PDB file of all heavy atoms in Angstrom:
ATOM      1  N   GLU A   1       6.736   4.164 -32.620  1.00  0.00           N
ATOM      2  CA  GLU A   1       8.194   4.268 -32.742  1.00  0.00           C
ATOM      3  C   GLU A   1       8.668   5.554 -32.075  1.00  0.00           C
ATOM      4  O   GLU A   1       8.223   6.644 -32.410  1.00  0.00           O
ATOM      5  CB  GLU A   1       8.593   4.295 -34.227  1.00  0.00           C
ATOM      6  CG  GLU A   1       8.479   2.957 -34.935  1.00  0.00           C
ATOM      7  CD  GLU A   1       9.617   2.013 -34.553  1.00  0.00           C
ATOM      8  OE1 GLU A   1      10.670   2.512 -34.095  1.00  0.00           O
ATOM      9  OE2 GLU A   1       9.434   0.796 -34.698  1.00  0.00           O
ATOM     10  N   PRO A   2       9.583   5.444 -31.122  1.00  0.00           N
ATOM     11  CA  PRO A   2      10.082   6.661 -30.458  1.00  0.00           C
ATOM     12  C   PRO A   2      10.796   7.575 -31.437  1.00  0.00           C
ATOM     13  O   PRO A   2      11.545   7.124 -32.307  1.00  0.00           O
ATOM     14  CB  PRO A   2      11.062   6.117 -29.409  1.00  0.00           C
ATOM     15  CG  PRO A   2      10.693   4.676 -29.228  1.00  0.00           C
ATOM     16  CD  PRO A   2      10.180   4.219 -30.562  1.00  0.00           C
ATOM     17  N   GLY A   3      10.548   8.877 -31.281  1.00  0.00           N
ATOM     18  CA  GLY A   3      11.268   9.869 -32.051  1.00  0.00           C
ATOM     19  C   GLY A   3      12.519  10.306 -31.319  1.00  0.00           C
ATOM     20  O   GLY A   3      12.916   9.707 -30.311  1.00  0.00           O
ATOM     21  N   GLU A   4      13.140  11.347 -31.811  1.00  0.00           N
ATOM     22  CA  GLU A   4      14.352  11.864 -31.189  1.00  0.00           C
ATOM     23  C   GLU A   4      14.087  12.267 -29.746  1.00  0.00           C
ATOM     24  O   GLU A   4      13.177  13.054 -29.457  1.00  0.00           O
ATOM     25  CB  GLU A   4      14.865  13.081 -31.972  1.00  0.00           C
ATOM     26  CG  GLU A   4      16.168  13.660 -31.450  1.00  0.00           C
ATOM     27  CD  GLU A   4      17.363  12.735 -31.713  1.00  0.00           C
ATOM     28  OE1 GLU A   4      17.313  11.955 -32.692  1.00  0.00           O
ATOM     29  OE2 GLU A   4      18.342  12.828 -30.936  1.00  0.00           O
ATOM     30  N   GLY A   5      14.852  11.705 -28.820  1.00  0.00           N
ATOM     31  CA  GLY A   5      14.712  12.050 -27.416  1.00  0.00           C
ATOM     32  C   GLY A   5      13.542  11.388 -26.709  1.00  0.00           C
ATOM     33  O   GLY A   5      13.267  11.697 -25.548  1.00  0.00           O
ATOM     34  N   GLN A   6      12.866  10.464 -27.404  1.00  0.00           N
ATOM     35  CA  GLN A   6      11.708   9.790 -26.818  1.00  0.00           C
ATOM     36  C   GLN A   6      12.031   8.351 -26.437  1.00  0.00           C
ATOM     37  O   GLN A   6      13.018   7.778 -26.911  1.00  0.00           O
ATOM     38  CB  GLN A   6      10.524   9.802 -27.796  1.00  0.00           C
ATOM     39  CG  GLN A   6       9.959  11.181 -28.079  1.00  0.00           C
ATOM     40  CD  GLN A   6       8.759  11.117 -29.007  1.00  0.00           C
ATOM     41  OE1 GLN A   6       8.621  10.198 -29.822  1.00  0.00           O
ATOM     42  NE2 GLN A   6       7.870  12.095 -28.882  1.00  0.00           N
ATOM     43  N   VAL A   7      11.153   7.784 -25.589  1.00  0.00           N
ATOM     44  CA  VAL A   7      11.295   6.388 -25.193  1.00  0.00           C
ATOM     45  C   VAL A   7       9.940   5.696 -25.283  1.00  0.00           C
ATOM     46  O   VAL A   7       8.884   6.324 -25.136  1.00  0.00           O
ATOM     47  CB  VAL A   7      11.834   6.260 -23.753  1.00  0.00           C
ATOM     48  CG1 VAL A   7      13.280   6.700 -23.676  1.00  0.00           C
ATOM     49  CG2 VAL A   7      10.975   7.038 -22.767  1.00  0.00           C
ATOM     50  N   LEU A   8       9.997   4.385 -25.560  1.00  0.00           N
ATOM     51  CA  LEU A   8       8.797   3.552 -25.563  1.00  0.00           C
ATOM     52  C   LEU A   8       8.588   3.001 -24.155  1.00  0.00           C
ATOM     53  O   LEU A   8       9.522   2.488 -23.540  1.00  0.00           O
ATOM     54  CB  LEU A   8       8.952   2.403 -26.562  1.00  0.00           C
ATOM     55  CG  LEU A   8       7.779   1.415 -26.646  1.00  0.00           C
ATOM     56  CD1 LEU A   8       6.565   2.089 -27.273  1.00  0.00           C
ATOM     57  CD2 LEU A   8       8.183   0.173 -27.451  1.00  0.00           C
ATOM     58  N   LEU A   9       7.365   3.099 -23.654  1.00  0.00           N
ATOM     59  CA  LEU A   9       7.050   2.665 -22.298  1.00  0.00           C
ATOM     60  C   LEU A   9       5.913   1.649 -22.309  1.00  0.00           C
ATOM     61  O   LEU A   9       4.946   1.808 -23.060  1.00  0.00           O
ATOM     62  CB  LEU A   9       6.633   3.866 -21.436  1.00  0.00           C
ATOM     63  CG  LEU A   9       7.664   4.984 -21.256  1.00  0.00           C
ATOM     64  CD1 LEU A   9       7.019   6.171 -20.555  1.00  0.00           C
ATOM     65  CD2 LEU A   9       8.871   4.487 -20.470  1.00  0.00           C
ATOM     66  N   LYS A  10       6.016   0.641 -21.470  1.00  0.00           N
ATOM     67  CA  LYS A  10       4.928  -0.313 -21.273  1.00  0.00           C
ATOM     68  C   LYS A  10       4.041   0.247 -20.154  1.00  0.00           C
ATOM     69  O   LYS A  10       4.489   0.428 -19.018  1.00  0.00           O
ATOM     70  CB  LYS A  10       5.459  -1.685 -20.882  1.00  0.00           C
ATOM     71  CG  LYS A  10       4.372  -2.748 -20.705  1.00  0.00           C
ATOM     72  CD  LYS A  10       4.974  -4.111 -20.413  1.00  0.00           C
ATOM     73  CE  LYS A  10       3.893  -5.149 -20.149  1.00  0.00           C
ATOM     74  NZ  LYS A  10       2.981  -5.323 -21.297  1.00  0.00           N
ATOM     75  N   VAL A  11       2.791   0.542 -20.481  1.00  0.00           N
ATOM     76  CA  VAL A  11       1.899   1.208 -19.542  1.00  0.00           C
ATOM     77  C   VAL A  11       1.463   0.246 -18.438  1.00  0.00           C
ATOM     78  O   VAL A  11       0.933  -0.829 -18.707  1.00  0.00           O
ATOM     79  CB  VAL A  11       0.660   1.778 -20.268  1.00  0.00           C
ATOM     80  CG1 VAL A  11      -0.281   2.447 -19.272  1.00  0.00           C
ATOM     81  CG2 VAL A  11       1.076   2.760 -21.361  1.00  0.00           C
ATOM     82  N   ARG A  12       1.675   0.662 -17.198  1.00  0.00           N
ATOM     83  CA  ARG A  12       1.202  -0.084 -16.033  1.00  0.00           C
ATOM     84  C   ARG A  12      -0.144   0.463 -15.558  1.00  0.00           C
ATOM     85  O   ARG A  12      -1.041  -0.286 -15.167  1.00  0.00           O
ATOM     86  CB  ARG A  12       2.226   0.012 -14.899  1.00  0.00           C
ATOM     87  CG  ARG A  12       3.611  -0.526 -15.260  1.00  0.00           C
ATOM     88  CD  ARG A  12       4.645  -0.191 -14.208  1.00  0.00           C
ATOM     89  NE  ARG A  12       4.450  -0.957 -12.977  1.00  0.00           N
ATOM     90  CZ  ARG A  12       5.231  -1.957 -12.585  1.00  0.00           C
ATOM     91  NH1 ARG A  12       6.282  -2.318 -13.342  1.00  0.00           N
ATOM     92  NH2 ARG A  12       5.010  -2.592 -11.465  1.00  0.00           N
ATOM     93  N   ALA A  13      -0.280   1.790 -15.584  1.00  0.00           N
ATOM     94  CA  ALA A  13      -1.525   2.452 -15.189  1.00  0.00           C
ATOM     95  C   ALA A  13      -1.570   3.826 -15.836  1.00  0.00           C
ATOM     96  O   ALA A  13      -0.544   4.504 -15.938  1.00  0.00           O
ATOM     97  CB  ALA A  13      -1.620   2.585 -13.670  1.00  0.00           C
ATOM     98  N   ALA A  14      -2.754   4.220 -16.291  1.00  0.00           N
ATOM     99  CA  ALA A  14      -2.961   5.551 -16.861  1.00  0.00           C
ATOM    100  C   ALA A  14      -4.067   6.239 -16.074  1.00  0.00           C
ATOM    101  O   ALA A  14      -5.177   5.714 -15.951  1.00  0.00           O
ATOM    102  CB  ALA A  14      -3.342   5.454 -18.342  1.00  0.00           C
ATOM    103  N   SER A  15      -3.762   7.385 -15.526  1.00  0.00           N
ATOM    104  CA  SER A  15      -4.739   8.145 -14.755  1.00  0.00           C
ATOM    105  C   SER A  15      -5.602   8.980 -15.704  1.00  0.00           C
ATOM    106  O   SER A  15      -5.085   9.620 -16.622  1.00  0.00           O
ATOM    107  CB  SER A  15      -4.010   9.057 -13.764  1.00  0.00           C
ATOM    108  OG  SER A  15      -4.907   9.859 -13.052  1.00  0.00           O
ATOM    109  N   VAL A  16      -6.915   8.952 -15.488  1.00  0.00           N
ATOM    110  CA  VAL A  16      -7.833   9.701 -16.353  1.00  0.00           C
ATOM    111  C   VAL A  16      -7.956  11.127 -15.823  1.00  0.00           C
ATOM    112  O   VAL A  16      -8.306  11.350 -14.666  1.00  0.00           O
ATOM    113  CB  VAL A  16      -9.220   9.039 -16.410  1.00  0.00           C
ATOM    114  CG1 VAL A  16     -10.125   9.814 -17.371  1.00  0.00           C
ATOM    115  CG2 VAL A  16      -9.101   7.590 -16.858  1.00  0.00           C
ATOM    116  N   ASN A  17      -7.655  12.092 -16.680  1.00  0.00           N
ATOM    117  CA  ASN A  17      -7.714  13.505 -16.328  1.00  0.00           C
ATOM    118  C   ASN A  17      -8.763  14.217 -17.179  1.00  0.00           C
ATOM    119  O   ASN A  17      -9.072  13.780 -18.300  1.00  0.00           O
ATOM    120  CB  ASN A  17      -6.358  14.173 -16.583  1.00  0.00           C
ATOM    121  CG  ASN A  17      -5.311  13.794 -15.551  1.00  0.00           C
ATOM    122  OD1 ASN A  17      -5.094  14.507 -14.585  1.00  0.00           O
ATOM    123  ND2 ASN A  17      -4.660  12.644 -15.758  1.00  0.00           N
ATOM    124  N   PHE A  18      -9.268  15.336 -16.663  1.00  0.00           N
ATOM    125  CA  PHE A  18     -10.230  16.125 -17.432  1.00  0.00           C
ATOM    126  C   PHE A  18      -9.671  16.546 -18.797  1.00  0.00           C
ATOM    127  O   PHE A  18     -10.411  16.565 -19.790  1.00  0.00           O
ATOM    128  CB  PHE A  18     -10.676  17.351 -16.622  1.00  0.00           C
ATOM    129  CG  PHE A  18     -11.837  18.079 -17.227  1.00  0.00           C
ATOM    130  CD1 PHE A  18     -13.088  17.489 -17.308  1.00  0.00           C
ATOM    131  CD2 PHE A  18     -11.681  19.365 -17.727  1.00  0.00           C
ATOM    132  CE1 PHE A  18     -14.165  18.162 -17.868  1.00  0.00           C
ATOM    133  CE2 PHE A  18     -12.746  20.052 -18.286  1.00  0.00           C
ATOM    134  CZ  PHE A  18     -13.994  19.449 -18.356  1.00  0.00           C
ATOM    135  N   PRO A  19      -8.371  16.876 -18.903  1.00  0.00           N
ATOM    136  CA  PRO A  19      -7.828  17.183 -20.230  1.00  0.00           C
ATOM    137  C   PRO A  19      -8.005  16.060 -21.256  1.00  0.00           C
ATOM    138  O   PRO A  19      -8.050  16.325 -22.454  1.00  0.00           O
ATOM    139  CB  PRO A  19      -6.351  17.458 -19.952  1.00  0.00           C
ATOM    140  CG  PRO A  19      -6.350  18.027 -18.578  1.00  0.00           C
ATOM    141  CD  PRO A  19      -7.396  17.238 -17.842  1.00  0.00           C
ATOM    142  N   ASP A  20      -8.101  14.800 -20.795  1.00  0.00           N
ATOM    143  CA  ASP A  20      -8.352  13.713 -21.747  1.00  0.00           C
ATOM    144  C   ASP A  20      -9.701  13.886 -22.429  1.00  0.00           C
ATOM    145  O   ASP A  20      -9.853  13.625 -23.627  1.00  0.00           O
ATOM    146  CB  ASP A  20      -8.294  12.353 -21.041  1.00  0.00           C
ATOM    147  CG  ASP A  20      -6.903  12.024 -20.527  1.00  0.00           C
ATOM    148  OD1 ASP A  20      -5.940  12.226 -21.298  1.00  0.00           O
ATOM    149  OD2 ASP A  20      -6.775  11.568 -19.384  1.00  0.00           O
ATOM    150  N   ALA A  21     -10.702  14.324 -21.655  1.00  0.00           N
ATOM    151  CA  ALA A  21     -12.012  14.591 -22.236  1.00  0.00           C
ATOM    152  C   ALA A  21     -11.946  15.787 -23.183  1.00  0.00           C
ATOM    153  O   ALA A  21     -12.547  15.771 -24.275  1.00  0.00           O
ATOM    154  CB  ALA A  21     -13.031  14.845 -21.130  1.00  0.00           C
ATOM    155  N   LEU A  22     -11.206  16.824 -22.774  1.00  0.00           N
ATOM    156  CA  LEU A  22     -11.067  18.000 -23.637  1.00  0.00           C
ATOM    157  C   LEU A  22     -10.341  17.651 -24.934  1.00  0.00           C
ATOM    158  O   LEU A  22     -10.669  18.184 -26.006  1.00  0.00           O
ATOM    159  CB  LEU A  22     -10.326  19.106 -22.899  1.00  0.00           C
ATOM    160  CG  LEU A  22     -11.026  19.707 -21.670  1.00  0.00           C
ATOM    161  CD1 LEU A  22     -10.153  20.781 -21.031  1.00  0.00           C
ATOM    162  CD2 LEU A  22     -12.387  20.276 -22.050  1.00  0.00           C
ATOM    163  N   LEU A  23      -9.349  16.760 -24.852  1.00  0.00           N
ATOM    164  CA  LEU A  23      -8.658  16.313 -26.064  1.00  0.00           C
ATOM    165  C   LEU A  23      -9.635  15.641 -27.017  1.00  0.00           C
ATOM    166  O   LEU A  23      -9.615  15.901 -28.229  1.00  0.00           O
ATOM    167  CB  LEU A  23      -7.540  15.339 -25.692  1.00  0.00           C
ATOM    168  CG  LEU A  23      -6.240  15.945 -25.167  1.00  0.00           C
ATOM    169  CD1 LEU A  23      -5.384  14.875 -24.499  1.00  0.00           C
ATOM    170  CD2 LEU A  23      -5.453  16.621 -26.292  1.00  0.00           C
ATOM    171  N   CYS A  24     -10.488  14.770 -26.476  1.00  0.00           N
ATOM    172  CA  CYS A  24     -11.473  14.089 -27.317  1.00  0.00           C
ATOM    173  C   CYS A  24     -12.411  15.089 -27.984  1.00  0.00           C
ATOM    174  O   CYS A  24     -12.804  14.926 -29.148  1.00  0.00           O
ATOM    175  CB  CYS A  24     -12.292  13.095 -26.495  1.00  0.00           C
ATOM    176  SG  CYS A  24     -11.380  11.639 -25.937  1.00  0.00           S
ATOM    177  N   ARG A  25     -12.757  16.148 -27.246  1.00  0.00           N
ATOM    178  CA  ARG A  25     -13.691  17.156 -27.766  1.00  0.00           C
ATOM    179  C   ARG A  25     -13.010  18.171 -28.685  1.00  0.00           C
ATOM    180  O   ARG A  25     -13.676  19.013 -29.290  1.00  0.00           O
ATOM    181  CB  ARG A  25     -14.337  17.903 -26.597  1.00  0.00           C
ATOM    182  CG  ARG A  25     -15.273  17.053 -25.743  1.00  0.00           C
ATOM    183  CD  ARG A  25     -15.633  17.786 -24.465  1.00  0.00           C
ATOM    184  NE  ARG A  25     -16.640  17.081 -23.683  1.00  0.00           N
ATOM    185  CZ  ARG A  25     -16.945  17.371 -22.422  1.00  0.00           C
ATOM    186  NH1 ARG A  25     -16.294  18.362 -21.802  1.00  0.00           N
ATOM    187  NH2 ARG A  25     -17.876  16.696 -21.786  1.00  0.00           N
ATOM    188  N   GLY A  26     -11.681  18.138 -28.747  1.00  0.00           N
ATOM    189  CA  GLY A  26     -10.961  19.134 -29.539  1.00  0.00           C
ATOM    190  C   GLY A  26     -10.923  20.490 -28.875  1.00  0.00           C
ATOM    191  O   GLY A  26     -10.760  21.517 -29.540  1.00  0.00           O
ATOM    192  N   GLN A  27     -11.043  20.508 -27.524  1.00  0.00           N
ATOM    193  CA  GLN A  27     -11.124  21.767 -26.790  1.00  0.00           C
ATOM    194  C   GLN A  27      -9.899  22.037 -25.921  1.00  0.00           C
ATOM    195  O   GLN A  27      -9.870  23.018 -25.193  1.00  0.00           O
ATOM    196  CB  GLN A  27     -12.381  21.768 -25.907  1.00  0.00           C
ATOM    197  CG  GLN A  27     -13.674  21.703 -26.688  1.00  0.00           C
ATOM    198  CD  GLN A  27     -14.892  21.549 -25.788  1.00  0.00           C
ATOM    199  OE1 GLN A  27     -14.782  21.283 -24.596  1.00  0.00           O
ATOM    200  NE2 GLN A  27     -16.071  21.719 -26.359  1.00  0.00           N
ATOM    201  N   TYR A  28      -8.895  21.171 -26.011  1.00  0.00           N
ATOM    202  CA  TYR A  28      -7.711  21.362 -25.185  1.00  0.00           C
ATOM    203  C   TYR A  28      -6.732  22.281 -25.902  1.00  0.00           C
ATOM    204  O   TYR A  28      -6.781  22.426 -27.132  1.00  0.00           O
ATOM    205  CB  TYR A  28      -7.052  20.010 -24.880  1.00  0.00           C
ATOM    206  CG  TYR A  28      -6.068  20.037 -23.745  1.00  0.00           C
ATOM    207  CD1 TYR A  28      -6.423  20.573 -22.509  1.00  0.00           C
ATOM    208  CD2 TYR A  28      -4.779  19.540 -23.902  1.00  0.00           C
ATOM    209  CE1 TYR A  28      -5.520  20.593 -21.457  1.00  0.00           C
ATOM    210  CE2 TYR A  28      -3.867  19.549 -22.848  1.00  0.00           C
ATOM    211  CZ  TYR A  28      -4.246  20.079 -21.632  1.00  0.00           C
ATOM    212  OH  TYR A  28      -3.356  20.100 -20.592  1.00  0.00           O
ATOM    213  N   GLN A  29      -5.817  22.928 -25.118  1.00  0.00           N
ATOM    214  CA  GLN A  29      -4.871  23.859 -25.751  1.00  0.00           C
ATOM    215  C   GLN A  29      -3.895  23.150 -26.678  1.00  0.00           C
ATOM    216  O   GLN A  29      -3.327  23.757 -27.580  1.00  0.00           O
ATOM    217  CB  GLN A  29      -4.108  24.660 -24.690  1.00  0.00           C
ATOM    218  CG  GLN A  29      -3.341  23.844 -23.668  1.00  0.00           C
ATOM    219  CD  GLN A  29      -4.062  23.793 -22.338  1.00  0.00           C
ATOM    220  OE1 GLN A  29      -5.272  23.659 -22.293  1.00  0.00           O
ATOM    221  NE2 GLN A  29      -3.316  23.912 -21.248  1.00  0.00           N
ATOM    222  N   VAL A  30      -3.703  21.839 -26.440  1.00  0.00           N
ATOM    223  CA  VAL A  30      -2.889  21.027 -27.344  1.00  0.00           C
ATOM    224  C   VAL A  30      -3.835  20.203 -28.210  1.00  0.00           C
ATOM    225  O   VAL A  30      -4.738  19.548 -27.695  1.00  0.00           O
ATOM    226  CB  VAL A  30      -1.951  20.088 -26.550  1.00  0.00           C
ATOM    227  CG1 VAL A  30      -1.186  19.168 -27.488  1.00  0.00           C
ATOM    228  CG2 VAL A  30      -0.992  20.905 -25.692  1.00  0.00           C
ATOM    229  N   ARG A  31      -3.632  20.233 -29.520  1.00  0.00           N
ATOM    230  CA  ARG A  31      -4.508  19.474 -30.428  1.00  0.00           C
ATOM    231  C   ARG A  31      -3.656  18.532 -31.270  1.00  0.00           C
ATOM    232  O   ARG A  31      -3.147  18.918 -32.325  1.00  0.00           O
ATOM    233  CB  ARG A  31      -5.314  20.426 -31.317  1.00  0.00           C
ATOM    234  CG  ARG A  31      -6.234  21.328 -30.517  1.00  0.00           C
ATOM    235  CD  ARG A  31      -7.277  22.008 -31.366  1.00  0.00           C
ATOM    236  NE  ARG A  31      -8.159  22.821 -30.559  1.00  0.00           N
ATOM    237  CZ  ARG A  31      -9.249  23.433 -31.032  1.00  0.00           C
ATOM    238  NH1 ARG A  31      -9.557  23.323 -32.315  1.00  0.00           N
ATOM    239  NH2 ARG A  31     -10.011  24.152 -30.226  1.00  0.00           N
ATOM    240  N   PRO A  32      -3.479  17.297 -30.787  1.00  0.00           N
ATOM    241  CA  PRO A  32      -2.649  16.345 -31.534  1.00  0.00           C
ATOM    242  C   PRO A  32      -3.305  15.970 -32.851  1.00  0.00           C
ATOM    243  O   PRO A  32      -4.537  16.055 -32.998  1.00  0.00           O
ATOM    244  CB  PRO A  32      -2.573  15.139 -30.591  1.00  0.00           C
ATOM    245  CG  PRO A  32      -3.785  15.244 -29.733  1.00  0.00           C
ATOM    246  CD  PRO A  32      -4.048  16.710 -29.569  1.00  0.00           C
ATOM    247  N   PRO A  33      -2.500  15.554 -33.824  1.00  0.00           N
ATOM    248  CA  PRO A  33      -3.074  15.153 -35.116  1.00  0.00           C
ATOM    249  C   PRO A  33      -3.935  13.898 -34.971  1.00  0.00           C
ATOM    250  O   PRO A  33      -3.661  13.027 -34.144  1.00  0.00           O
ATOM    251  CB  PRO A  33      -1.837  14.879 -35.978  1.00  0.00           C
ATOM    252  CG  PRO A  33      -0.751  14.561 -34.995  1.00  0.00           C
ATOM    253  CD  PRO A  33      -1.028  15.402 -33.793  1.00  0.00           C
ATOM    254  N   LEU A  34      -4.977  13.826 -35.756  1.00  0.00           N
ATOM    255  CA  LEU A  34      -5.853  12.651 -35.776  1.00  0.00           C
ATOM    256  C   LEU A  34      -5.242  11.570 -36.650  1.00  0.00           C
ATOM    257  O   LEU A  34      -4.633  11.877 -37.673  1.00  0.00           O
ATOM    258  CB  LEU A  34      -7.234  13.046 -36.302  1.00  0.00           C
ATOM    259  CG  LEU A  34      -8.009  14.079 -35.469  1.00  0.00           C
ATOM    260  CD1 LEU A  34      -9.234  14.564 -36.238  1.00  0.00           C
ATOM    261  CD2 LEU A  34      -8.438  13.494 -34.128  1.00  0.00           C
ATOM    262  N   PRO A  35      -5.420  10.297 -36.285  1.00  0.00           N
ATOM    263  CA  PRO A  35      -5.974   9.822 -35.014  1.00  0.00           C
ATOM    264  C   PRO A  35      -4.923   9.889 -33.916  1.00  0.00           C
ATOM    265  O   PRO A  35      -3.731   9.796 -34.181  1.00  0.00           O
ATOM    266  CB  PRO A  35      -6.342   8.377 -35.334  1.00  0.00           C
ATOM    267  CG  PRO A  35      -5.339   7.949 -36.361  1.00  0.00           C
ATOM    268  CD  PRO A  35      -5.065   9.179 -37.201  1.00  0.00           C
ATOM    269  N   PHE A  36      -5.387  10.034 -32.676  1.00  0.00           N
ATOM    270  CA  PHE A  36      -4.467  10.054 -31.547  1.00  0.00           C
ATOM    271  C   PHE A  36      -5.007   9.172 -30.429  1.00  0.00           C
ATOM    272  O   PHE A  36      -6.189   8.826 -30.395  1.00  0.00           O
ATOM    273  CB  PHE A  36      -4.247  11.482 -31.037  1.00  0.00           C
ATOM    274  CG  PHE A  36      -5.472  12.121 -30.415  1.00  0.00           C
ATOM    275  CD1 PHE A  36      -5.781  11.929 -29.068  1.00  0.00           C
ATOM    276  CD2 PHE A  36      -6.305  12.925 -31.176  1.00  0.00           C
ATOM    277  CE1 PHE A  36      -6.896  12.506 -28.504  1.00  0.00           C
ATOM    278  CE2 PHE A  36      -7.438  13.510 -30.616  1.00  0.00           C
ATOM    279  CZ  PHE A  36      -7.731  13.300 -29.275  1.00  0.00           C
ATOM    280  N   THR A  37      -4.117   8.832 -29.508  1.00  0.00           N
ATOM    281  CA  THR A  37      -4.485   8.071 -28.318  1.00  0.00           C
ATOM    282  C   THR A  37      -4.464   9.013 -27.127  1.00  0.00           C
ATOM    283  O   THR A  37      -3.414   9.569 -26.812  1.00  0.00           O
ATOM    284  CB  THR A  37      -3.511   6.908 -28.074  1.00  0.00           C
ATOM    285  OG1 THR A  37      -3.576   5.994 -29.166  1.00  0.00           O
ATOM    286  CG2 THR A  37      -3.853   6.168 -26.784  1.00  0.00           C
ATOM    287  N   PRO A  38      -5.602   9.235 -26.443  1.00  0.00           N
ATOM    288  CA  PRO A  38      -5.584  10.076 -25.247  1.00  0.00           C
ATOM    289  C   PRO A  38      -4.926   9.352 -24.078  1.00  0.00           C
ATOM    290  O   PRO A  38      -4.538   8.185 -24.193  1.00  0.00           O
ATOM    291  CB  PRO A  38      -7.072  10.353 -24.985  1.00  0.00           C
ATOM    292  CG  PRO A  38      -7.801   9.227 -25.637  1.00  0.00           C
ATOM    293  CD  PRO A  38      -6.945   8.742 -26.774  1.00  0.00           C
ATOM    294  N   GLY A  39      -4.832  10.043 -22.959  1.00  0.00           N
ATOM    295  CA  GLY A  39      -4.153   9.503 -21.779  1.00  0.00           C
ATOM    296  C   GLY A  39      -2.902  10.302 -21.532  1.00  0.00           C
ATOM    297  O   GLY A  39      -1.848   9.995 -22.089  1.00  0.00           O
ATOM    298  N   VAL A  40      -2.994  11.340 -20.689  1.00  0.00           N
ATOM    299  CA  VAL A  40      -1.882  12.289 -20.566  1.00  0.00           C
ATOM    300  C   VAL A  40      -0.860  11.930 -19.496  1.00  0.00           C
ATOM    301  O   VAL A  40       0.254  12.438 -19.520  1.00  0.00           O
ATOM    302  CB  VAL A  40      -2.407  13.728 -20.328  1.00  0.00           C
ATOM    303  CG1 VAL A  40      -3.178  14.226 -21.532  1.00  0.00           C
ATOM    304  CG2 VAL A  40      -3.265  13.802 -19.066  1.00  0.00           C
ATOM    305  N   GLU A  41      -1.215  11.049 -18.533  1.00  0.00           N
ATOM    306  CA  GLU A  41      -0.217  10.701 -17.505  1.00  0.00           C
ATOM    307  C   GLU A  41      -0.283   9.224 -17.162  1.00  0.00           C
ATOM    308  O   GLU A  41      -1.355   8.639 -17.086  1.00  0.00           O
ATOM    309  CB  GLU A  41      -0.372  11.565 -16.251  1.00  0.00           C
ATOM    310  CG  GLU A  41      -1.590  11.280 -15.421  1.00  0.00           C
ATOM    311  CD  GLU A  41      -1.611  12.055 -14.103  1.00  0.00           C
ATOM    312  OE1 GLU A  41      -0.539  12.522 -13.635  1.00  0.00           O
ATOM    313  OE2 GLU A  41      -2.704  12.195 -13.531  1.00  0.00           O
ATOM    314  N   ILE A  42       0.900   8.654 -16.948  1.00  0.00           N
ATOM    315  CA  ILE A  42       0.985   7.212 -16.729  1.00  0.00           C
ATOM    316  C   ILE A  42       2.047   6.852 -15.700  1.00  0.00           C
ATOM    317  O   ILE A  42       2.965   7.621 -15.426  1.00  0.00           O
ATOM    318  CB  ILE A  42       1.319   6.462 -18.044  1.00  0.00           C
ATOM    319  CG1 ILE A  42       2.661   6.944 -18.624  1.00  0.00           C
ATOM    320  CG2 ILE A  42       0.203   6.602 -19.055  1.00  0.00           C
ATOM    321  CD1 ILE A  42       3.132   6.159 -19.841  1.00  0.00           C
ATOM    322  N   CYS A  43       1.900   5.647 -15.155  1.00  0.00           N
ATOM    323  CA  CYS A  43       2.980   4.934 -14.494  1.00  0.00           C
ATOM    324  C   CYS A  43       3.338   3.802 -15.452  1.00  0.00           C
ATOM    325  O   CYS A  43       2.442   3.126 -15.978  1.00  0.00           O
ATOM    326  CB  CYS A  43       2.522   4.393 -13.147  1.00  0.00           C
ATOM    327  SG  CYS A  43       3.747   3.353 -12.317  1.00  0.00           S
ATOM    328  N   ALA A  44       4.614   3.602 -15.704  1.00  0.00           N
ATOM    329  CA  ALA A  44       5.004   2.667 -16.758  1.00  0.00           C
ATOM    330  C   ALA A  44       6.345   2.020 -16.436  1.00  0.00           C
ATOM    331  O   ALA A  44       7.070   2.431 -15.525  1.00  0.00           O
ATOM    332  CB  ALA A  44       5.080   3.398 -18.097  1.00  0.00           C
TER     333      ALA A  44
END
């Protein structure tokens, strides 16, 4: 559900970035609450 100022997007393609691996490892500067869905950039 989109929050304030957010939009829902239908993902067409998600590019895999090294930060996605760092997110999984808990080593990225941003640490989203668990559980989370990785994938930092998309075309949608």
